[in-house]
Amino acid sequence: MATDNENPIGYICCSPNTINDKELFELSAPIGMFKEFYHHFPAHLHINCLPLAQGKGVGTQLLEALCKDLIRAKICGVHLITGSNERNVSFYTKNNFSLIHKINNLVMLGKNL
């Protein structure tokens, strides 16, 4: 979690093994749509930053810290699912995520670690 004067301004969370995370499948229907790619990108991430923190490197720092932890845990890749027209796609592309697969208006972006 990132903080500013002790108030949270951003967070990142991750499921290191999407295939085995039954709760994740129950929470988000689109998770099952991309399961054929999870052997290459097993970890699923979710990140949020308040508008006051966006564009200031907070999200990038959170992503970098998560990726370091995943590498230490010997996890080979991380992914997320978002809308193909969402502005966050450019944030992930800037942080070396690539388009893995697209279904309708959803995209899976992934990064090899």
PDB file of N, CA and C in Angstrom:
ATOM      1  N   MET A   1       0.835  -1.163   0.000  1.00  0.00           N
ATOM      2  CA  MET A   1       0.000   0.000   0.000  1.00  0.00           C
ATOM      3  C   MET A   1       0.889   1.237   0.000  1.00  0.00           C
ATOM      4  N   ALA A   2       0.501   2.215  -0.775  1.00  0.00           N
ATOM      5  CA  ALA A   2       1.197   3.496  -0.791  1.00  0.00           C
ATOM      6  C   ALA A   2       0.415   4.479   0.066  1.00  0.00           C
ATOM      7  N   THR A   3       1.132   5.305   0.813  1.00  0.00           N
ATOM      8  CA  THR A   3       0.470   6.267   1.684  1.00  0.00           C
ATOM      9  C   THR A   3       1.016   7.669   1.464  1.00  0.00           C
ATOM     10  N   ASP A   4       0.200   8.644   1.840  1.00  0.00           N
ATOM     11  CA  ASP A   4       0.590  10.043   1.803  1.00  0.00           C
ATOM     12  C   ASP A   4       0.133  10.637   3.127  1.00  0.00           C
ATOM     13  N   ASN A   5       1.063  10.999   3.990  1.00  0.00           N
ATOM     14  CA  ASN A   5       0.715  11.497   5.332  1.00  0.00           C
ATOM     15  C   ASN A   5      -0.178  10.511   6.073  1.00  0.00           C
ATOM     16  N   GLU A   6       0.179   9.239   5.973  1.00  0.00           N
ATOM     17  CA  GLU A   6      -0.494   8.144   6.669  1.00  0.00           C
ATOM     18  C   GLU A   6      -1.867   7.779   6.111  1.00  0.00           C
ATOM     19  N   ASN A   7      -2.300   8.400   5.038  1.00  0.00           N
ATOM     20  CA  ASN A   7      -3.557   8.031   4.387  1.00  0.00           C
ATOM     21  C   ASN A   7      -3.265   7.197   3.155  1.00  0.00           C
ATOM     22  N   PRO A   8      -3.986   6.104   2.960  1.00  0.00           N
ATOM     23  CA  PRO A   8      -3.746   5.285   1.767  1.00  0.00           C
ATOM     24  C   PRO A   8      -4.075   6.058   0.488  1.00  0.00           C
ATOM     25  N   ILE A   9      -3.185   5.965  -0.478  1.00  0.00           N
ATOM     26  CA  ILE A   9      -3.425   6.594  -1.778  1.00  0.00           C
ATOM     27  C   ILE A   9      -3.378   5.572  -2.911  1.00  0.00           C
ATOM     28  N   GLY A  10      -2.965   4.355  -2.588  1.00  0.00           N
ATOM     29  CA  GLY A  10      -2.929   3.315  -3.601  1.00  0.00           C
ATOM     30  C   GLY A  10      -2.649   1.962  -2.977  1.00  0.00           C
ATOM     31  N   TYR A  11      -3.079   0.920  -3.685  1.00  0.00           N
ATOM     32  CA  TYR A  11      -2.798  -0.440  -3.221  1.00  0.00           C
ATOM     33  C   TYR A  11      -2.673  -1.371  -4.415  1.00  0.00           C
ATOM     34  N   ILE A  12      -2.031  -2.492  -4.173  1.00  0.00           N
ATOM     35  CA  ILE A  12      -1.929  -3.547  -5.169  1.00  0.00           C
ATOM     36  C   ILE A  12      -2.127  -4.874  -4.436  1.00  0.00           C
ATOM     37  N   CYS A  13      -2.846  -5.768  -5.055  1.00  0.00           N
ATOM     38  CA  CYS A  13      -3.007  -7.103  -4.488  1.00  0.00           C
ATOM     39  C   CYS A  13      -2.851  -8.114  -5.614  1.00  0.00           C
ATOM     40  N   CYS A  14      -2.556  -9.320  -5.221  1.00  0.00           N
ATOM     41  CA  CYS A  14      -2.204 -10.317  -6.229  1.00  0.00           C
ATOM     42  C   CYS A  14      -2.578 -11.710  -5.751  1.00  0.00           C
ATOM     43  N   SER A  15      -3.067 -12.496  -6.675  1.00  0.00           N
ATOM     44  CA  SER A  15      -3.229 -13.922  -6.451  1.00  0.00           C
ATOM     45  C   SER A  15      -2.096 -14.590  -7.221  1.00  0.00           C
ATOM     46  N   PRO A  16      -1.163 -15.248  -6.553  1.00  0.00           N
ATOM     47  CA  PRO A  16       0.008 -15.792  -7.243  1.00  0.00           C
ATOM     48  C   PRO A  16      -0.290 -16.971  -8.163  1.00  0.00           C
ATOM     49  N   ASN A  17      -1.424 -17.632  -7.972  1.00  0.00           N
ATOM     50  CA  ASN A  17      -1.748 -18.795  -8.796  1.00  0.00           C
ATOM     51  C   ASN A  17      -3.234 -18.764  -9.141  1.00  0.00           C
ATOM     52  N   THR A  18      -3.561 -18.090 -10.216  1.00  0.00           N
ATOM     53  CA  THR A  18      -4.950 -17.874 -10.613  1.00  0.00           C
ATOM     54  C   THR A  18      -5.715 -19.181 -10.761  1.00  0.00           C
ATOM     55  N   ILE A  19      -5.108 -20.162 -11.393  1.00  0.00           N
ATOM     56  CA  ILE A  19      -5.790 -21.434 -11.650  1.00  0.00           C
ATOM     57  C   ILE A  19      -6.309 -22.060 -10.361  1.00  0.00           C
ATOM     58  N   ASN A  20      -5.558 -21.975  -9.279  1.00  0.00           N
ATOM     59  CA  ASN A  20      -5.949 -22.596  -8.014  1.00  0.00           C
ATOM     60  C   ASN A  20      -6.747 -21.675  -7.092  1.00  0.00           C
ATOM     61  N   ASP A  21      -7.044 -20.462  -7.539  1.00  0.00           N
ATOM     62  CA  ASP A  21      -7.743 -19.495  -6.690  1.00  0.00           C
ATOM     63  C   ASP A  21      -9.241 -19.520  -7.001  1.00  0.00           C
ATOM     64  N   LYS A  22      -9.944 -20.420  -6.367  1.00  0.00           N
ATOM     65  CA  LYS A  22     -11.376 -20.599  -6.622  1.00  0.00           C
ATOM     66  C   LYS A  22     -12.176 -19.345  -6.271  1.00  0.00           C
ATOM     67  N   GLU A  23     -11.777 -18.626  -5.230  1.00  0.00           N
ATOM     68  CA  GLU A  23     -12.477 -17.391  -4.855  1.00  0.00           C
ATOM     69  C   GLU A  23     -12.394 -16.351  -5.964  1.00  0.00           C
ATOM     70  N   LEU A  24     -11.246 -16.248  -6.611  1.00  0.00           N
ATOM     71  CA  LEU A  24     -11.069 -15.295  -7.701  1.00  0.00           C
ATOM     72  C   LEU A  24     -12.015 -15.619  -8.850  1.00  0.00           C
ATOM     73  N   PHE A  25     -12.152 -16.897  -9.184  1.00  0.00           N
ATOM     74  CA  PHE A  25     -13.076 -17.311 -10.237  1.00  0.00           C
ATOM     75  C   PHE A  25     -14.517 -16.971  -9.863  1.00  0.00           C
ATOM     76  N   GLU A  26     -14.846 -17.080  -8.579  1.00  0.00           N
ATOM     77  CA  GLU A  26     -16.201 -16.771  -8.120  1.00  0.00           C
ATOM     78  C   GLU A  26     -16.465 -15.265  -8.120  1.00  0.00           C
ATOM     79  N   LEU A  27     -15.459 -14.473  -7.842  1.00  0.00           N
ATOM     80  CA  LEU A  27     -15.614 -13.015  -7.776  1.00  0.00           C
ATOM     81  C   LEU A  27     -15.724 -12.359  -9.144  1.00  0.00           C
ATOM     82  N   SER A  28     -15.078 -12.937 -10.136  1.00  0.00           N
ATOM     83  CA  SER A  28     -14.988 -12.276 -11.432  1.00  0.00           C
ATOM     84  C   SER A  28     -15.210 -13.261 -12.576  1.00  0.00           C
ATOM     85  N   ALA A  29     -16.353 -13.163 -13.216  1.00  0.00           N
ATOM     86  CA  ALA A  29     -16.674 -14.066 -14.324  1.00  0.00           C
ATOM     87  C   ALA A  29     -15.632 -14.034 -15.452  1.00  0.00           C
ATOM     88  N   PRO A  30     -15.083 -12.877 -15.818  1.00  0.00           N
ATOM     89  CA  PRO A  30     -14.111 -12.870 -16.908  1.00  0.00           C
ATOM     90  C   PRO A  30     -12.844 -13.684 -16.641  1.00  0.00           C
ATOM     91  N   ILE A  31     -12.532 -13.973 -15.384  1.00  0.00           N
ATOM     92  CA  ILE A  31     -11.328 -14.747 -15.065  1.00  0.00           C
ATOM     93  C   ILE A  31     -11.318 -16.071 -15.830  1.00  0.00           C
ATOM     94  N   GLY A  32     -12.444 -16.746 -15.866  1.00  0.00           N
ATOM     95  CA  GLY A  32     -12.518 -18.037 -16.543  1.00  0.00           C
ATOM     96  C   GLY A  32     -12.346 -17.953 -18.050  1.00  0.00           C
ATOM     97  N   MET A  33     -12.590 -16.798 -18.631  1.00  0.00           N
ATOM     98  CA  MET A  33     -12.508 -16.636 -20.083  1.00  0.00           C
ATOM     99  C   MET A  33     -11.080 -16.703 -20.604  1.00  0.00           C
ATOM    100  N   PHE A  34     -10.104 -16.496 -19.747  1.00  0.00           N
ATOM    101  CA  PHE A  34      -8.710 -16.415 -20.175  1.00  0.00           C
ATOM    102  C   PHE A  34      -7.849 -17.533 -19.598  1.00  0.00           C
ATOM    103  N   LYS A  35      -8.458 -18.570 -19.043  1.00  0.00           N
ATOM    104  CA  LYS A  35      -7.706 -19.572 -18.274  1.00  0.00           C
ATOM    105  C   LYS A  35      -6.659 -20.324 -19.083  1.00  0.00           C
ATOM    106  N   GLU A  36      -6.797 -20.377 -20.386  1.00  0.00           N
ATOM    107  CA  GLU A  36      -5.796 -21.083 -21.195  1.00  0.00           C
ATOM    108  C   GLU A  36      -4.424 -20.404 -21.173  1.00  0.00           C
ATOM    109  N   PHE A  37      -4.364 -19.165 -20.707  1.00  0.00           N
ATOM    110  CA  PHE A  37      -3.104 -18.414 -20.693  1.00  0.00           C
ATOM    111  C   PHE A  37      -2.434 -18.381 -19.322  1.00  0.00           C
ATOM    112  N   TYR A  38      -3.089 -18.917 -18.308  1.00  0.00           N
ATOM    113  CA  TYR A  38      -2.584 -18.787 -16.946  1.00  0.00           C
ATOM    114  C   TYR A  38      -1.346 -19.625 -16.657  1.00  0.00           C
ATOM    115  N   HIS A  39      -1.034 -20.600 -17.477  1.00  0.00           N
ATOM    116  CA  HIS A  39       0.200 -21.349 -17.223  1.00  0.00           C
ATOM    117  C   HIS A  39       1.429 -20.482 -17.536  1.00  0.00           C
ATOM    118  N   HIS A  40       1.297 -19.526 -18.459  1.00  0.00           N
ATOM    119  CA  HIS A  40       2.414 -18.613 -18.763  1.00  0.00           C
ATOM    120  C   HIS A  40       2.400 -17.365 -17.881  1.00  0.00           C
ATOM    121  N   PHE A  41       1.212 -16.974 -17.431  1.00  0.00           N
ATOM    122  CA  PHE A  41       1.039 -15.770 -16.610  1.00  0.00           C
ATOM    123  C   PHE A  41       0.172 -16.130 -15.402  1.00  0.00           C
ATOM    124  N   PRO A  42       0.712 -16.896 -14.456  1.00  0.00           N
ATOM    125  CA  PRO A  42      -0.110 -17.438 -13.374  1.00  0.00           C
ATOM    126  C   PRO A  42      -0.637 -16.423 -12.359  1.00  0.00           C
ATOM    127  N   ALA A  43       0.083 -15.359 -12.108  1.00  0.00           N
ATOM    128  CA  ALA A  43      -0.317 -14.405 -11.074  1.00  0.00           C
ATOM    129  C   ALA A  43      -1.293 -13.374 -11.644  1.00  0.00           C
ATOM    130  N   HIS A  44      -2.339 -13.093 -10.891  1.00  0.00           N
ATOM    131  CA  HIS A  44      -3.342 -12.094 -11.278  1.00  0.00           C
ATOM    132  C   HIS A  44      -3.221 -10.899 -10.348  1.00  0.00           C
ATOM    133  N   LEU A  45      -3.158  -9.701 -10.915  1.00  0.00           N
ATOM    134  CA  LEU A  45      -3.020  -8.517 -10.076  1.00  0.00           C
ATOM    135  C   LEU A  45      -4.213  -7.589 -10.197  1.00  0.00           C
ATOM    136  N   HIS A  46      -4.382  -6.807  -9.151  1.00  0.00           N
ATOM    137  CA  HIS A  46      -5.373  -5.730  -9.118  1.00  0.00           C
ATOM    138  C   HIS A  46      -4.702  -4.549  -8.434  1.00  0.00           C
ATOM    139  N   ILE A  47      -4.835  -3.377  -9.030  1.00  0.00           N
ATOM    140  CA  ILE A  47      -4.200  -2.176  -8.491  1.00  0.00           C
ATOM    141  C   ILE A  47      -5.161  -1.007  -8.588  1.00  0.00           C
ATOM    142  N   ASN A  48      -5.120  -0.153  -7.594  1.00  0.00           N
ATOM    143  CA  ASN A  48      -5.905   1.083  -7.595  1.00  0.00           C
ATOM    144  C   ASN A  48      -5.090   2.185  -6.950  1.00  0.00           C
ATOM    145  N   CYS A  49      -5.161   3.364  -7.535  1.00  0.00           N
ATOM    146  CA  CYS A  49      -4.565   4.561  -6.946  1.00  0.00           C
ATOM    147  C   CYS A  49      -5.603   5.673  -6.994  1.00  0.00           C
ATOM    148  N   LEU A  50      -5.647   6.461  -5.941  1.00  0.00           N
ATOM    149  CA  LEU A  50      -6.542   7.612  -5.935  1.00  0.00           C
ATOM    150  C   LEU A  50      -6.129   8.581  -7.044  1.00  0.00           C
ATOM    151  N   PRO A  51      -7.069   9.348  -7.575  1.00  0.00           N
ATOM    152  CA  PRO A  51      -6.717  10.315  -8.623  1.00  0.00           C
ATOM    153  C   PRO A  51      -5.558  11.236  -8.246  1.00  0.00           C
ATOM    154  N   LEU A  52      -5.457  11.629  -6.973  1.00  0.00           N
ATOM    155  CA  LEU A  52      -4.361  12.527  -6.570  1.00  0.00           C
ATOM    156  C   LEU A  52      -2.994  11.867  -6.677  1.00  0.00           C
ATOM    157  N   ALA A  53      -2.956  10.539  -6.752  1.00  0.00           N
ATOM    158  CA  ALA A  53      -1.682   9.812  -6.856  1.00  0.00           C
ATOM    159  C   ALA A  53      -1.380   9.394  -8.291  1.00  0.00           C
ATOM    160  N   GLN A  54      -2.348   9.482  -9.168  1.00  0.00           N
ATOM    161  CA  GLN A  54      -2.149   9.024 -10.546  1.00  0.00           C
ATOM    162  C   GLN A  54      -1.219   9.965 -11.301  1.00  0.00           C
ATOM    163  N   GLY A  55      -0.356   9.367 -12.107  1.00  0.00           N
ATOM    164  CA  GLY A  55       0.598  10.150 -12.887  1.00  0.00           C
ATOM    165  C   GLY A  55       1.814  10.605 -12.104  1.00  0.00           C
ATOM    166  N   LYS A  56       1.969  10.100 -10.889  1.00  0.00           N
ATOM    167  CA  LYS A  56       3.089  10.517 -10.040  1.00  0.00           C
ATOM    168  C   LYS A  56       4.051   9.381  -9.735  1.00  0.00           C
ATOM    169  N   GLY A  57       3.878   8.236 -10.398  1.00  0.00           N
ATOM    170  CA  GLY A  57       4.789   7.114 -10.207  1.00  0.00           C
ATOM    171  C   GLY A  57       4.401   6.140  -9.110  1.00  0.00           C
ATOM    172  N   VAL A  58       3.307   6.407  -8.418  1.00  0.00           N
ATOM    173  CA  VAL A  58       2.894   5.539  -7.321  1.00  0.00           C
ATOM    174  C   VAL A  58       2.538   4.148  -7.840  1.00  0.00           C
ATOM    175  N   GLY A  59       1.716   4.085  -8.882  1.00  0.00           N
ATOM    176  CA  GLY A  59       1.329   2.800  -9.459  1.00  0.00           C
ATOM    177  C   GLY A  59       2.522   2.021  -9.975  1.00  0.00           C
ATOM    178  N   THR A  60       3.439   2.699 -10.623  1.00  0.00           N
ATOM    179  CA  THR A  60       4.648   2.047 -11.132  1.00  0.00           C
ATOM    180  C   THR A  60       5.474   1.473  -9.992  1.00  0.00           C
ATOM    181  N   GLN A  61       5.600   2.209  -8.905  1.00  0.00           N
ATOM    182  CA  GLN A  61       6.350   1.698  -7.747  1.00  0.00           C
ATOM    183  C   GLN A  61       5.674   0.464  -7.151  1.00  0.00           C
ATOM    184  N   LEU A  62       4.349   0.484  -7.071  1.00  0.00           N
ATOM    185  CA  LEU A  62       3.626  -0.673  -6.563  1.00  0.00           C
ATOM    186  C   LEU A  62       3.826  -1.884  -7.472  1.00  0.00           C
ATOM    187  N   LEU A  63       3.740  -1.660  -8.792  1.00  0.00           N
ATOM    188  CA  LEU A  63       3.963  -2.756  -9.746  1.00  0.00           C
ATOM    189  C   LEU A  63       5.378  -3.319  -9.630  1.00  0.00           C
ATOM    190  N   GLU A  64       6.360  -2.450  -9.539  1.00  0.00           N
ATOM    191  CA  GLU A  64       7.753  -2.907  -9.435  1.00  0.00           C
ATOM    192  C   GLU A  64       7.968  -3.740  -8.180  1.00  0.00           C
ATOM    193  N   ALA A  65       7.402  -3.305  -7.065  1.00  0.00           N
ATOM    194  CA  ALA A  65       7.547  -4.060  -5.814  1.00  0.00           C
ATOM    195  C   ALA A  65       6.870  -5.426  -5.936  1.00  0.00           C
ATOM    196  N   LEU A  66       5.677  -5.464  -6.526  1.00  0.00           N
ATOM    197  CA  LEU A  66       4.981  -6.734  -6.708  1.00  0.00           C
ATOM    198  C   LEU A  66       5.788  -7.672  -7.597  1.00  0.00           C
ATOM    199  N   CYS A  67       6.292  -7.173  -8.715  1.00  0.00           N
ATOM    200  CA  CYS A  67       7.054  -8.018  -9.637  1.00  0.00           C
ATOM    201  C   CYS A  67       8.309  -8.577  -8.974  1.00  0.00           C
ATOM    202  N   LYS A  68       8.981  -7.784  -8.153  1.00  0.00           N
ATOM    203  CA  LYS A  68      10.152  -8.284  -7.424  1.00  0.00           C
ATOM    204  C   LYS A  68       9.766  -9.425  -6.499  1.00  0.00           C
ATOM    205  N   ASP A  69       8.645  -9.269  -5.801  1.00  0.00           N
ATOM    206  CA  ASP A  69       8.172 -10.339  -4.909  1.00  0.00           C
ATOM    207  C   ASP A  69       7.833 -11.601  -5.693  1.00  0.00           C
ATOM    208  N   LEU A  70       7.185 -11.435  -6.840  1.00  0.00           N
ATOM    209  CA  LEU A  70       6.817 -12.596  -7.656  1.00  0.00           C
ATOM    210  C   LEU A  70       8.056 -13.302  -8.210  1.00  0.00           C
ATOM    211  N   ILE A  71       9.046 -12.543  -8.616  1.00  0.00           N
ATOM    212  CA  ILE A  71      10.295 -13.131  -9.104  1.00  0.00           C
ATOM    213  C   ILE A  71      10.974 -13.923  -7.990  1.00  0.00           C
ATOM    214  N   ARG A  72      11.031 -13.354  -6.786  1.00  0.00           N
ATOM    215  CA  ARG A  72      11.610 -14.072  -5.647  1.00  0.00           C
ATOM    216  C   ARG A  72      10.856 -15.374  -5.370  1.00  0.00           C
ATOM    217  N   ALA A  73       9.553 -15.374  -5.628  1.00  0.00           N
ATOM    218  CA  ALA A  73       8.734 -16.568  -5.411  1.00  0.00           C
ATOM    219  C   ALA A  73       8.774 -17.513  -6.623  1.00  0.00           C
ATOM    220  N   LYS A  74       9.602 -17.168  -7.615  1.00  0.00           N
ATOM    221  CA  LYS A  74       9.788 -17.982  -8.825  1.00  0.00           C
ATOM    222  C   LYS A  74       8.497 -18.147  -9.630  1.00  0.00           C
ATOM    223  N   ILE A  75       7.729 -17.071  -9.707  1.00  0.00           N
ATOM    224  CA  ILE A  75       6.522 -17.043 -10.530  1.00  0.00           C
ATOM    225  C   ILE A  75       6.900 -16.414 -11.866  1.00  0.00           C
ATOM    226  N   CYS A  76       6.517 -17.081 -12.949  1.00  0.00           N
ATOM    227  CA  CYS A  76       7.038 -16.735 -14.277  1.00  0.00           C
ATOM    228  C   CYS A  76       6.324 -15.586 -14.977  1.00  0.00           C
ATOM    229  N   GLY A  77       5.136 -15.205 -14.515  1.00  0.00           N
ATOM    230  CA  GLY A  77       4.428 -14.134 -15.199  1.00  0.00           C
ATOM    231  C   GLY A  77       3.235 -13.646 -14.407  1.00  0.00           C
ATOM    232  N   VAL A  78       2.784 -12.438 -14.754  1.00  0.00           N
ATOM    233  CA  VAL A  78       1.663 -11.802 -14.082  1.00  0.00           C
ATOM    234  C   VAL A  78       0.714 -11.236 -15.135  1.00  0.00           C
ATOM    235  N   HIS A  79      -0.565 -11.223 -14.823  1.00  0.00           N
ATOM    236  CA  HIS A  79      -1.550 -10.717 -15.780  1.00  0.00           C
ATOM    237  C   HIS A  79      -2.625  -9.919 -15.063  1.00  0.00           C
ATOM    238  N   LEU A  80      -3.429  -9.236 -15.869  1.00  0.00           N
ATOM    239  CA  LEU A  80      -4.626  -8.549 -15.414  1.00  0.00           C
ATOM    240  C   LEU A  80      -5.617  -8.545 -16.560  1.00  0.00           C
ATOM    241  N   ILE A  81      -6.848  -8.285 -16.226  1.00  0.00           N
ATOM    242  CA  ILE A  81      -7.909  -8.198 -17.228  1.00  0.00           C
ATOM    243  C   ILE A  81      -8.562  -6.839 -17.074  1.00  0.00           C
ATOM    244  N   THR A  82      -8.754  -6.152 -18.188  1.00  0.00           N
ATOM    245  CA  THR A  82      -9.360  -4.826 -18.171  1.00  0.00           C
ATOM    246  C   THR A  82     -10.135  -4.617 -19.470  1.00  0.00           C
ATOM    247  N   GLY A  83     -10.797  -3.510 -19.562  1.00  0.00           N
ATOM    248  CA  GLY A  83     -11.500  -3.168 -20.789  1.00  0.00           C
ATOM    249  C   GLY A  83     -10.524  -2.686 -21.849  1.00  0.00           C
ATOM    250  N   SER A  84     -10.766  -3.065 -23.084  1.00  0.00           N
ATOM    251  CA  SER A  84      -9.830  -2.720 -24.159  1.00  0.00           C
ATOM    252  C   SER A  84      -9.732  -1.213 -24.393  1.00  0.00           C
ATOM    253  N   ASN A  85     -10.753  -0.462 -24.053  1.00  0.00           N
ATOM    254  CA  ASN A  85     -10.739   0.989 -24.266  1.00  0.00           C
ATOM    255  C   ASN A  85     -10.466   1.786 -22.999  1.00  0.00           C
ATOM    256  N   GLU A  86     -10.101   1.114 -21.926  1.00  0.00           N
ATOM    257  CA  GLU A  86      -9.838   1.814 -20.669  1.00  0.00           C
ATOM    258  C   GLU A  86      -8.507   2.557 -20.741  1.00  0.00           C
ATOM    259  N   ARG A  87      -8.434   3.686 -20.065  1.00  0.00           N
ATOM    260  CA  ARG A  87      -7.190   4.477 -20.105  1.00  0.00           C
ATOM    261  C   ARG A  87      -6.052   3.797 -19.363  1.00  0.00           C
ATOM    262  N   ASN A  88      -6.357   2.822 -18.491  1.00  0.00           N
ATOM    263  CA  ASN A  88      -5.289   2.136 -17.770  1.00  0.00           C
ATOM    264  C   ASN A  88      -4.441   1.246 -18.682  1.00  0.00           C
ATOM    265  N   VAL A  89      -4.930   0.939 -19.873  1.00  0.00           N
ATOM    266  CA  VAL A  89      -4.151   0.109 -20.808  1.00  0.00           C
ATOM    267  C   VAL A  89      -2.813   0.784 -21.110  1.00  0.00           C
ATOM    268  N   SER A  90      -2.811   2.089 -21.287  1.00  0.00           N
ATOM    269  CA  SER A  90      -1.542   2.784 -21.580  1.00  0.00           C
ATOM    270  C   SER A  90      -0.601   2.747 -20.377  1.00  0.00           C
ATOM    271  N   PHE A  91      -1.144   2.782 -19.160  1.00  0.00           N
ATOM    272  CA  PHE A  91      -0.313   2.663 -17.955  1.00  0.00           C
ATOM    273  C   PHE A  91       0.393   1.312 -17.932  1.00  0.00           C
ATOM    274  N   TYR A  92      -0.344   0.236 -18.213  1.00  0.00           N
ATOM    275  CA  TYR A  92       0.255  -1.098 -18.192  1.00  0.00           C
ATOM    276  C   TYR A  92       1.250  -1.273 -19.329  1.00  0.00           C
ATOM    277  N   THR A  93       0.932  -0.743 -20.497  1.00  0.00           N
ATOM    278  CA  THR A  93       1.862  -0.827 -21.630  1.00  0.00           C
ATOM    279  C   THR A  93       3.170  -0.109 -21.288  1.00  0.00           C
ATOM    280  N   LYS A  94       3.058   1.047 -20.663  1.00  0.00           N
ATOM    281  CA  LYS A  94       4.247   1.800 -20.230  1.00  0.00           C
ATOM    282  C   LYS A  94       5.084   0.982 -19.248  1.00  0.00           C
ATOM    283  N   ASN A  95       4.426   0.107 -18.503  1.00  0.00           N
ATOM    284  CA  ASN A  95       5.108  -0.727 -17.511  1.00  0.00           C
ATOM    285  C   ASN A  95       5.393  -2.134 -18.033  1.00  0.00           C
ATOM    286  N   ASN A  96       5.549  -2.243 -19.347  1.00  0.00           N
ATOM    287  CA  ASN A  96       6.011  -3.460 -20.027  1.00  0.00           C
ATOM    288  C   ASN A  96       5.029  -4.628 -20.002  1.00  0.00           C
ATOM    289  N   PHE A  97       3.742  -4.353 -19.911  1.00  0.00           N
ATOM    290  CA  PHE A  97       2.729  -5.380 -20.098  1.00  0.00           C
ATOM    291  C   PHE A  97       2.351  -5.391 -21.571  1.00  0.00           C
ATOM    292  N   SER A  98       2.045  -6.567 -22.081  1.00  0.00           N
ATOM    293  CA  SER A  98       1.685  -6.735 -23.480  1.00  0.00           C
ATOM    294  C   SER A  98       0.295  -7.340 -23.598  1.00  0.00           C
ATOM    295  N   LEU A  99      -0.338  -7.096 -24.721  1.00  0.00           N
ATOM    296  CA  LEU A  99      -1.628  -7.721 -25.003  1.00  0.00           C
ATOM    297  C   LEU A  99      -1.406  -9.212 -25.195  1.00  0.00           C
ATOM    298  N   ILE A 100      -2.104 -10.016 -24.410  1.00  0.00           N
ATOM    299  CA  ILE A 100      -2.004 -11.463 -24.514  1.00  0.00           C
ATOM    300  C   ILE A 100      -3.185 -12.010 -25.301  1.00  0.00           C
ATOM    301  N   HIS A 101      -4.382 -11.525 -24.998  1.00  0.00           N
ATOM    302  CA  HIS A 101      -5.570 -12.016 -25.687  1.00  0.00           C
ATOM    303  C   HIS A 101      -6.707 -11.009 -25.510  1.00  0.00           C
ATOM    304  N   LYS A 102      -7.582 -10.965 -26.492  1.00  0.00           N
ATOM    305  CA  LYS A 102      -8.737 -10.075 -26.451  1.00  0.00           C
ATOM    306  C   LYS A 102      -9.994 -10.892 -26.712  1.00  0.00           C
ATOM    307  N   ILE A 103     -11.022 -10.675 -25.895  1.00  0.00           N
ATOM    308  CA  ILE A 103     -12.335 -11.285 -26.089  1.00  0.00           C
ATOM    309  C   ILE A 103     -13.355 -10.155 -25.971  1.00  0.00           C
ATOM    310  N   ASN A 104     -14.016  -9.868 -27.071  1.00  0.00           N
ATOM    311  CA  ASN A 104     -14.976  -8.763 -27.129  1.00  0.00           C
ATOM    312  C   ASN A 104     -14.292  -7.482 -26.680  1.00  0.00           C
ATOM    313  N   ASN A 105     -14.785  -6.844 -25.624  1.00  0.00           N
ATOM    314  CA  ASN A 105     -14.158  -5.591 -25.183  1.00  0.00           C
ATOM    315  C   ASN A 105     -13.228  -5.782 -23.991  1.00  0.00           C
ATOM    316  N   LEU A 106     -12.884  -7.036 -23.677  1.00  0.00           N
ATOM    317  CA  LEU A 106     -11.959  -7.326 -22.588  1.00  0.00           C
ATOM    318  C   LEU A 106     -10.599  -7.731 -23.131  1.00  0.00           C
ATOM    319  N   VAL A 107      -9.551  -7.313 -22.440  1.00  0.00           N
ATOM    320  CA  VAL A 107      -8.195  -7.716 -22.821  1.00  0.00           C
ATOM    321  C   VAL A 107      -7.482  -8.290 -21.611  1.00  0.00           C
ATOM    322  N   MET A 108      -6.665  -9.264 -21.895  1.00  0.00           N
ATOM    323  CA  MET A 108      -5.740  -9.783 -20.890  1.00  0.00           C
ATOM    324  C   MET A 108      -4.367  -9.222 -21.254  1.00  0.00           C
ATOM    325  N   LEU A 109      -3.771  -8.510 -20.310  1.00  0.00           N
ATOM    326  CA  LEU A 109      -2.427  -7.985 -20.473  1.00  0.00           C
ATOM    327  C   LEU A 109      -1.518  -8.783 -19.559  1.00  0.00           C
ATOM    328  N   GLY A 110      -0.324  -9.087 -20.034  1.00  0.00           N
ATOM    329  CA  GLY A 110       0.580  -9.892 -19.235  1.00  0.00           C
ATOM    330  C   GLY A 110       2.016  -9.415 -19.333  1.00  0.00           C
ATOM    331  N   LYS A 111       2.788  -9.863 -18.372  1.00  0.00           N
ATOM    332  CA  LYS A 111       4.217  -9.524 -18.309  1.00  0.00           C
ATOM    333  C   LYS A 111       4.979 -10.762 -17.868  1.00  0.00           C
ATOM    334  N   ASN A 112       5.975 -11.136 -18.660  1.00  0.00           N
ATOM    335  CA  ASN A 112       6.867 -12.230 -18.269  1.00  0.00           C
ATOM    336  C   ASN A 112       7.817 -11.715 -17.195  1.00  0.00           C
ATOM    337  N   LEU A 113       8.099 -12.571 -16.217  1.00  0.00           N
ATOM    338  CA  LEU A 113       8.997 -12.166 -15.130  1.00  0.00           C
ATOM    339  C   LEU A 113      10.274 -12.990 -15.177  1.00  0.00           C
TER     340      LEU A 113
END
